[in-house]
Amino acid sequence: VMSILLHGDAAFAGQGVVYETFHLSDLPSYTTNGTIHVVVNNQIGFTTDPRMARSSPYPTDVARVVNAPIFHVNADDPEAVMYVCSVAAEWRNTFNKDVVVDLVCYRRRGHNEMDEPMFTQPLMYKQIHKQVPVLKKYADKLIADGTVTLQEFEEEIAKYDRICEEAYTRSKDNKILHIKHWLDSPWPG
């Protein structure tokens, strides 16, 4: 089993449990033989600028405590992300040690539906609004390369949208949640 954990950038740097868990990672009775930590580094913890949230330049620097390799990769480049993730998996399997993938990216909208990021990060979000979304950027590249046609791309998007819509429609029919199989020790009622 390959252990993979997904983190937010501010949580990775700011939650003590991450630092504590790294220190436990090599203990003989505790180890997972290496975990791949994927950090979604959107450059901002809720509304806090990174310069005001930590003393180091990268949120992933806490992994340096166990000399884990840290791969910083542009999340707007899906092929680079896949390559780095393959290298990380190979590292983990070869050395049985933790490895970190730092997905350097941005959040197009705010932290949640109530957050307006232009209030706290106006300069950053002016730049973000100018960015071409990664799906469009990558689709344009694949179409230009001749890997896919515009029609094939549009069919895949329509297929995915259909899957989501059908799942949403089915979810409305489910009136009773059957979650006992999720629990280790189900209780009555």
C-alpha atoms as a PDB file:
ATOM      1  CA  VAL A   1       0.000   0.000   0.000  1.00  0.00           C
ATOM      2  CA  MET A   2       1.331   3.418  -0.901  1.00  0.00           C
ATOM      3  CA  SER A   3       0.520   6.088   1.641  1.00  0.00           C
ATOM      4  CA  ILE A   4      -0.501   9.379  -0.005  1.00  0.00           C
ATOM      5  CA  LEU A   5      -1.623  12.434   1.950  1.00  0.00           C
ATOM      6  CA  LEU A   6      -3.112  15.605   0.462  1.00  0.00           C
ATOM      7  CA  HIS A   7      -2.439  18.870   2.310  1.00  0.00           C
ATOM      8  CA  GLY A   8      -3.207  22.539   1.919  1.00  0.00           C
ATOM      9  CA  ASP A   9      -0.164  24.809   2.029  1.00  0.00           C
ATOM     10  CA  ALA A  10      -1.118  26.741   5.163  1.00  0.00           C
ATOM     11  CA  ALA A  11      -2.149  23.573   6.997  1.00  0.00           C
ATOM     12  CA  PHE A  12       1.069  21.766   6.040  1.00  0.00           C
ATOM     13  CA  ALA A  13       3.196  24.584   7.427  1.00  0.00           C
ATOM     14  CA  GLY A  14       0.929  25.615  10.284  1.00  0.00           C
ATOM     15  CA  GLN A  15      -0.494  22.477  11.826  1.00  0.00           C
ATOM     16  CA  GLY A  16       1.805  20.940  14.395  1.00  0.00           C
ATOM     17  CA  VAL A  17       0.542  17.446  13.639  1.00  0.00           C
ATOM     18  CA  VAL A  18       2.401  17.504  10.281  1.00  0.00           C
ATOM     19  CA  TYR A  19       5.720  18.327  11.956  1.00  0.00           C
ATOM     20  CA  GLU A  20       5.074  15.787  14.714  1.00  0.00           C
ATOM     21  CA  THR A  21       4.164  13.065  12.217  1.00  0.00           C
ATOM     22  CA  PHE A  22       7.365  13.654  10.247  1.00  0.00           C
ATOM     23  CA  HIS A  23       9.313  13.083  13.454  1.00  0.00           C
ATOM     24  CA  LEU A  24       7.494   9.775  13.970  1.00  0.00           C
ATOM     25  CA  SER A  25       8.025   8.622  10.380  1.00  0.00           C
ATOM     26  CA  ASP A  26      11.222   6.627  11.040  1.00  0.00           C
ATOM     27  CA  LEU A  27      10.262   5.042  14.333  1.00  0.00           C
ATOM     28  CA  PRO A  28      10.389   1.235  13.989  1.00  0.00           C
ATOM     29  CA  SER A  29       6.867   0.534  15.232  1.00  0.00           C
ATOM     30  CA  TYR A  30       5.246   3.497  13.536  1.00  0.00           C
ATOM     31  CA  THR A  31       6.630   3.839  10.023  1.00  0.00           C
ATOM     32  CA  THR A  32       4.560   3.597   6.856  1.00  0.00           C
ATOM     33  CA  ASN A  33       7.778   3.009   4.883  1.00  0.00           C
ATOM     34  CA  GLY A  34       7.370   6.414   3.346  1.00  0.00           C
ATOM     35  CA  THR A  35       4.445   8.662   2.547  1.00  0.00           C
ATOM     36  CA  ILE A  36       3.925  10.833  -0.508  1.00  0.00           C
ATOM     37  CA  HIS A  37       2.763  14.234   0.710  1.00  0.00           C
ATOM     38  CA  VAL A  38       0.993  16.265  -1.993  1.00  0.00           C
ATOM     39  CA  VAL A  39       0.725  19.915  -0.984  1.00  0.00           C
ATOM     40  CA  VAL A  40      -1.743  22.117  -2.854  1.00  0.00           C
ATOM     41  CA  ASN A  41       0.229  25.326  -2.520  1.00  0.00           C
ATOM     42  CA  ASN A  42      -2.136  28.061  -3.642  1.00  0.00           C
ATOM     43  CA  GLN A  43       0.091  30.782  -2.188  1.00  0.00           C
ATOM     44  CA  ILE A  44      -2.325  31.898   0.496  1.00  0.00           C
ATOM     45  CA  GLY A  45      -3.616  30.455   3.743  1.00  0.00           C
ATOM     46  CA  PHE A  46      -7.264  31.561   3.810  1.00  0.00           C
ATOM     47  CA  THR A  47      -6.510  35.301   3.658  1.00  0.00           C
ATOM     48  CA  THR A  48      -2.982  35.335   5.083  1.00  0.00           C
ATOM     49  CA  ASP A  49      -0.067  36.235   2.870  1.00  0.00           C
ATOM     50  CA  PRO A  50       2.721  33.600   3.174  1.00  0.00           C
ATOM     51  CA  ARG A  51       5.156  36.256   4.449  1.00  0.00           C
ATOM     52  CA  MET A  52       2.883  36.725   7.456  1.00  0.00           C
ATOM     53  CA  ALA A  53       2.238  33.034   8.072  1.00  0.00           C
ATOM     54  CA  ARG A  54       5.702  31.447   8.336  1.00  0.00           C
ATOM     55  CA  SER A  55       9.405  32.231   8.509  1.00  0.00           C
ATOM     56  CA  SER A  56      10.540  30.092   5.571  1.00  0.00           C
ATOM     57  CA  PRO A  57       9.945  30.718   1.876  1.00  0.00           C
ATOM     58  CA  TYR A  58       8.085  27.451   1.209  1.00  0.00           C
ATOM     59  CA  PRO A  59       5.284  25.843   3.214  1.00  0.00           C
ATOM     60  CA  THR A  60       6.910  22.473   2.511  1.00  0.00           C
ATOM     61  CA  ASP A  61      10.113  23.385   4.375  1.00  0.00           C
ATOM     62  CA  VAL A  62       8.858  21.499   7.445  1.00  0.00           C
ATOM     63  CA  ALA A  63       9.698  18.274   5.551  1.00  0.00           C
ATOM     64  CA  ARG A  64      13.355  19.247   5.651  1.00  0.00           C
ATOM     65  CA  VAL A  65      13.391  18.066   9.268  1.00  0.00           C
ATOM     66  CA  VAL A  66      13.659  14.473   7.974  1.00  0.00           C
ATOM     67  CA  ASN A  67      15.583  15.353   4.789  1.00  0.00           C
ATOM     68  CA  ALA A  68      12.620  14.418   2.615  1.00  0.00           C
ATOM     69  CA  PRO A  69      13.055  15.485  -0.999  1.00  0.00           C
ATOM     70  CA  ILE A  70      10.687  18.288  -1.943  1.00  0.00           C
ATOM     71  CA  PHE A  71       9.642  18.688  -5.568  1.00  0.00           C
ATOM     72  CA  HIS A  72       8.179  22.074  -6.467  1.00  0.00           C
ATOM     73  CA  VAL A  73       6.111  21.836  -9.659  1.00  0.00           C
ATOM     74  CA  ASN A  74       3.939  24.245 -11.638  1.00  0.00           C
ATOM     75  CA  ALA A  75       0.383  22.930 -11.282  1.00  0.00           C
ATOM     76  CA  ASP A  76      -0.548  24.665 -14.552  1.00  0.00           C
ATOM     77  CA  ASP A  77       1.595  22.053 -16.358  1.00  0.00           C
ATOM     78  CA  PRO A  78      -0.224  18.679 -16.057  1.00  0.00           C
ATOM     79  CA  GLU A  79       2.583  16.756 -17.763  1.00  0.00           C
ATOM     80  CA  ALA A  80       5.173  18.148 -15.352  1.00  0.00           C
ATOM     81  CA  VAL A  81       2.892  17.275 -12.421  1.00  0.00           C
ATOM     82  CA  MET A  82       2.548  13.687 -13.670  1.00  0.00           C
ATOM     83  CA  TYR A  83       6.305  13.403 -14.159  1.00  0.00           C
ATOM     84  CA  VAL A  84       7.075  14.719 -10.674  1.00  0.00           C
ATOM     85  CA  CYS A  85       4.460  12.424  -9.121  1.00  0.00           C
ATOM     86  CA  SER A  86       6.065   9.449 -10.910  1.00  0.00           C
ATOM     87  CA  VAL A  87       9.483  10.445  -9.584  1.00  0.00           C
ATOM     88  CA  ALA A  88       8.020  10.845  -6.084  1.00  0.00           C
ATOM     89  CA  ALA A  89       6.413   7.383  -6.229  1.00  0.00           C
ATOM     90  CA  GLU A  90       9.664   5.854  -7.450  1.00  0.00           C
ATOM     91  CA  TRP A  91      11.605   7.598  -4.642  1.00  0.00           C
ATOM     92  CA  ARG A  92       9.178   6.363  -2.015  1.00  0.00           C
ATOM     93  CA  ASN A  93       9.265   2.798  -3.366  1.00  0.00           C
ATOM     94  CA  THR A  94      13.058   2.722  -3.671  1.00  0.00           C
ATOM     95  CA  PHE A  95      14.022   4.322  -0.363  1.00  0.00           C
ATOM     96  CA  ASN A  96      10.882   3.756   1.777  1.00  0.00           C
ATOM     97  CA  LYS A  97      11.059   7.378   2.923  1.00  0.00           C
ATOM     98  CA  ASP A  98       8.723  10.362   2.824  1.00  0.00           C
ATOM     99  CA  VAL A  99       8.698  12.619  -0.232  1.00  0.00           C
ATOM    100  CA  VAL A 100       6.841  15.881  -0.866  1.00  0.00           C
ATOM    101  CA  VAL A 101       5.241  17.201  -4.048  1.00  0.00           C
ATOM    102  CA  ASP A 102       4.638  20.947  -3.775  1.00  0.00           C
ATOM    103  CA  LEU A 103       1.999  21.865  -6.386  1.00  0.00           C
ATOM    104  CA  VAL A 104       2.636  25.568  -6.888  1.00  0.00           C
ATOM    105  CA  CYS A 105      -0.701  26.935  -8.016  1.00  0.00           C
ATOM    106  CA  TYR A 106      -3.407  29.466  -7.212  1.00  0.00           C
ATOM    107  CA  ARG A 107      -7.020  29.445  -6.145  1.00  0.00           C
ATOM    108  CA  ARG A 108      -9.190  31.052  -8.823  1.00  0.00           C
ATOM    109  CA  ARG A 109     -11.983  31.842  -6.381  1.00  0.00           C
ATOM    110  CA  GLY A 110     -11.793  32.604  -2.682  1.00  0.00           C
ATOM    111  CA  HIS A 111     -11.266  30.211   0.207  1.00  0.00           C
ATOM    112  CA  ASN A 112     -14.962  29.383   0.169  1.00  0.00           C
ATOM    113  CA  GLU A 113     -18.161  30.791  -1.275  1.00  0.00           C
ATOM    114  CA  MET A 114     -18.270  33.536   1.402  1.00  0.00           C
ATOM    115  CA  ASP A 115     -14.703  34.762   0.826  1.00  0.00           C
ATOM    116  CA  GLU A 116     -13.959  37.590  -1.593  1.00  0.00           C
ATOM    117  CA  PRO A 117     -10.184  37.404  -2.093  1.00  0.00           C
ATOM    118  CA  MET A 118      -9.986  40.834  -3.749  1.00  0.00           C
ATOM    119  CA  PHE A 119     -10.462  42.352  -0.277  1.00  0.00           C
ATOM    120  CA  THR A 120      -7.298  40.858   1.199  1.00  0.00           C
ATOM    121  CA  GLN A 121      -5.215  39.979  -1.885  1.00  0.00           C
ATOM    122  CA  PRO A 122      -6.179  42.487  -4.606  1.00  0.00           C
ATOM    123  CA  LEU A 123      -2.889  42.471  -6.552  1.00  0.00           C
ATOM    124  CA  MET A 124      -2.615  38.685  -6.610  1.00  0.00           C
ATOM    125  CA  TYR A 125      -6.215  38.229  -7.713  1.00  0.00           C
ATOM    126  CA  LYS A 126      -5.892  40.793 -10.501  1.00  0.00           C
ATOM    127  CA  GLN A 127      -3.147  38.538 -11.886  1.00  0.00           C
ATOM    128  CA  ILE A 128      -5.122  35.342 -11.261  1.00  0.00           C
ATOM    129  CA  HIS A 129      -8.134  36.658 -13.172  1.00  0.00           C
ATOM    130  CA  LYS A 130      -5.836  37.140 -16.183  1.00  0.00           C
ATOM    131  CA  GLN A 131      -4.653  33.499 -16.083  1.00  0.00           C
ATOM    132  CA  VAL A 132      -6.006  31.083 -18.662  1.00  0.00           C
ATOM    133  CA  PRO A 133      -7.571  28.117 -16.798  1.00  0.00           C
ATOM    134  CA  VAL A 134      -5.370  25.022 -16.868  1.00  0.00           C
ATOM    135  CA  LEU A 135      -7.977  22.874 -18.637  1.00  0.00           C
ATOM    136  CA  LYS A 136      -8.232  25.345 -21.525  1.00  0.00           C
ATOM    137  CA  LYS A 137      -4.463  25.845 -21.638  1.00  0.00           C
ATOM    138  CA  TYR A 138      -3.779  22.101 -21.782  1.00  0.00           C
ATOM    139  CA  ALA A 139      -6.620  21.395 -24.223  1.00  0.00           C
ATOM    140  CA  ASP A 140      -5.274  24.086 -26.572  1.00  0.00           C
ATOM    141  CA  LYS A 141      -1.820  22.490 -26.378  1.00  0.00           C
ATOM    142  CA  LEU A 142      -3.138  18.997 -27.142  1.00  0.00           C
ATOM    143  CA  ILE A 143      -5.270  20.276 -30.022  1.00  0.00           C
ATOM    144  CA  ALA A 144      -2.318  22.252 -31.457  1.00  0.00           C
ATOM    145  CA  ASP A 145      -0.104  19.141 -31.169  1.00  0.00           C
ATOM    146  CA  GLY A 146      -2.720  17.074 -32.985  1.00  0.00           C
ATOM    147  CA  THR A 147      -3.031  14.710 -30.011  1.00  0.00           C
ATOM    148  CA  VAL A 148      -6.801  15.309 -29.893  1.00  0.00           C
ATOM    149  CA  THR A 149      -9.268  17.207 -32.020  1.00  0.00           C
ATOM    150  CA  LEU A 150     -11.532  19.952 -30.751  1.00  0.00           C
ATOM    151  CA  GLN A 151     -14.494  17.622 -31.316  1.00  0.00           C
ATOM    152  CA  GLU A 152     -12.887  14.838 -29.218  1.00  0.00           C
ATOM    153  CA  PHE A 153     -12.150  17.309 -26.441  1.00  0.00           C
ATOM    154  CA  GLU A 154     -15.708  18.662 -26.460  1.00  0.00           C
ATOM    155  CA  GLU A 155     -17.112  15.108 -26.440  1.00  0.00           C
ATOM    156  CA  GLU A 156     -15.010  14.229 -23.375  1.00  0.00           C
ATOM    157  CA  ILE A 157     -16.181  17.376 -21.569  1.00  0.00           C
ATOM    158  CA  ALA A 158     -19.814  16.565 -22.425  1.00  0.00           C
ATOM    159  CA  LYS A 159     -19.317  12.958 -21.254  1.00  0.00           C
ATOM    160  CA  TYR A 160     -17.856  14.123 -17.935  1.00  0.00           C
ATOM    161  CA  ASP A 161     -20.641  16.685 -17.444  1.00  0.00           C
ATOM    162  CA  ARG A 162     -23.219  13.951 -18.134  1.00  0.00           C
ATOM    163  CA  ILE A 163     -21.633  11.667 -15.519  1.00  0.00           C
ATOM    164  CA  CYS A 164     -21.751  14.467 -12.942  1.00  0.00           C
ATOM    165  CA  GLU A 165     -25.344  15.429 -13.761  1.00  0.00           C
ATOM    166  CA  GLU A 166     -26.515  11.799 -13.594  1.00  0.00           C
ATOM    167  CA  ALA A 167     -24.815  11.309 -10.235  1.00  0.00           C
ATOM    168  CA  TYR A 168     -26.385  14.520  -8.952  1.00  0.00           C
ATOM    169  CA  THR A 169     -29.833  13.399 -10.116  1.00  0.00           C
ATOM    170  CA  ARG A 170     -29.389   9.978  -8.468  1.00  0.00           C
ATOM    171  CA  SER A 171     -28.289  11.647  -5.232  1.00  0.00           C
ATOM    172  CA  LYS A 172     -31.695  13.319  -4.936  1.00  0.00           C
ATOM    173  CA  ASP A 173     -33.394   9.904  -4.941  1.00  0.00           C
ATOM    174  CA  ASN A 174     -31.340   8.588  -2.033  1.00  0.00           C
ATOM    175  CA  LYS A 175     -33.379   9.443   1.072  1.00  0.00           C
ATOM    176  CA  ILE A 176     -31.626   7.146   3.561  1.00  0.00           C
ATOM    177  CA  LEU A 177     -27.893   7.140   4.091  1.00  0.00           C
ATOM    178  CA  HIS A 178     -26.442   3.677   4.634  1.00  0.00           C
ATOM    179  CA  ILE A 179     -23.152   4.380   6.367  1.00  0.00           C
ATOM    180  CA  LYS A 180     -22.753   1.430   8.718  1.00  0.00           C
ATOM    181  CA  HIS A 181     -20.116  -0.077   6.441  1.00  0.00           C
ATOM    182  CA  TRP A 182     -18.047   3.097   6.982  1.00  0.00           C
ATOM    183  CA  LEU A 183     -17.879   2.589  10.727  1.00  0.00           C
ATOM    184  CA  ASP A 184     -15.614   0.262  12.673  1.00  0.00           C
ATOM    185  CA  SER A 185     -18.130  -0.125  15.497  1.00  0.00           C
ATOM    186  CA  PRO A 186     -21.684   0.592  14.337  1.00  0.00           C
ATOM    187  CA  TRP A 187     -24.104   1.660  17.039  1.00  0.00           C
ATOM    188  CA  PRO A 188     -27.875   1.172  17.115  1.00  0.00           C
ATOM    189  CA  GLY A 189     -29.864   3.846  15.303  1.00  0.00           C
END
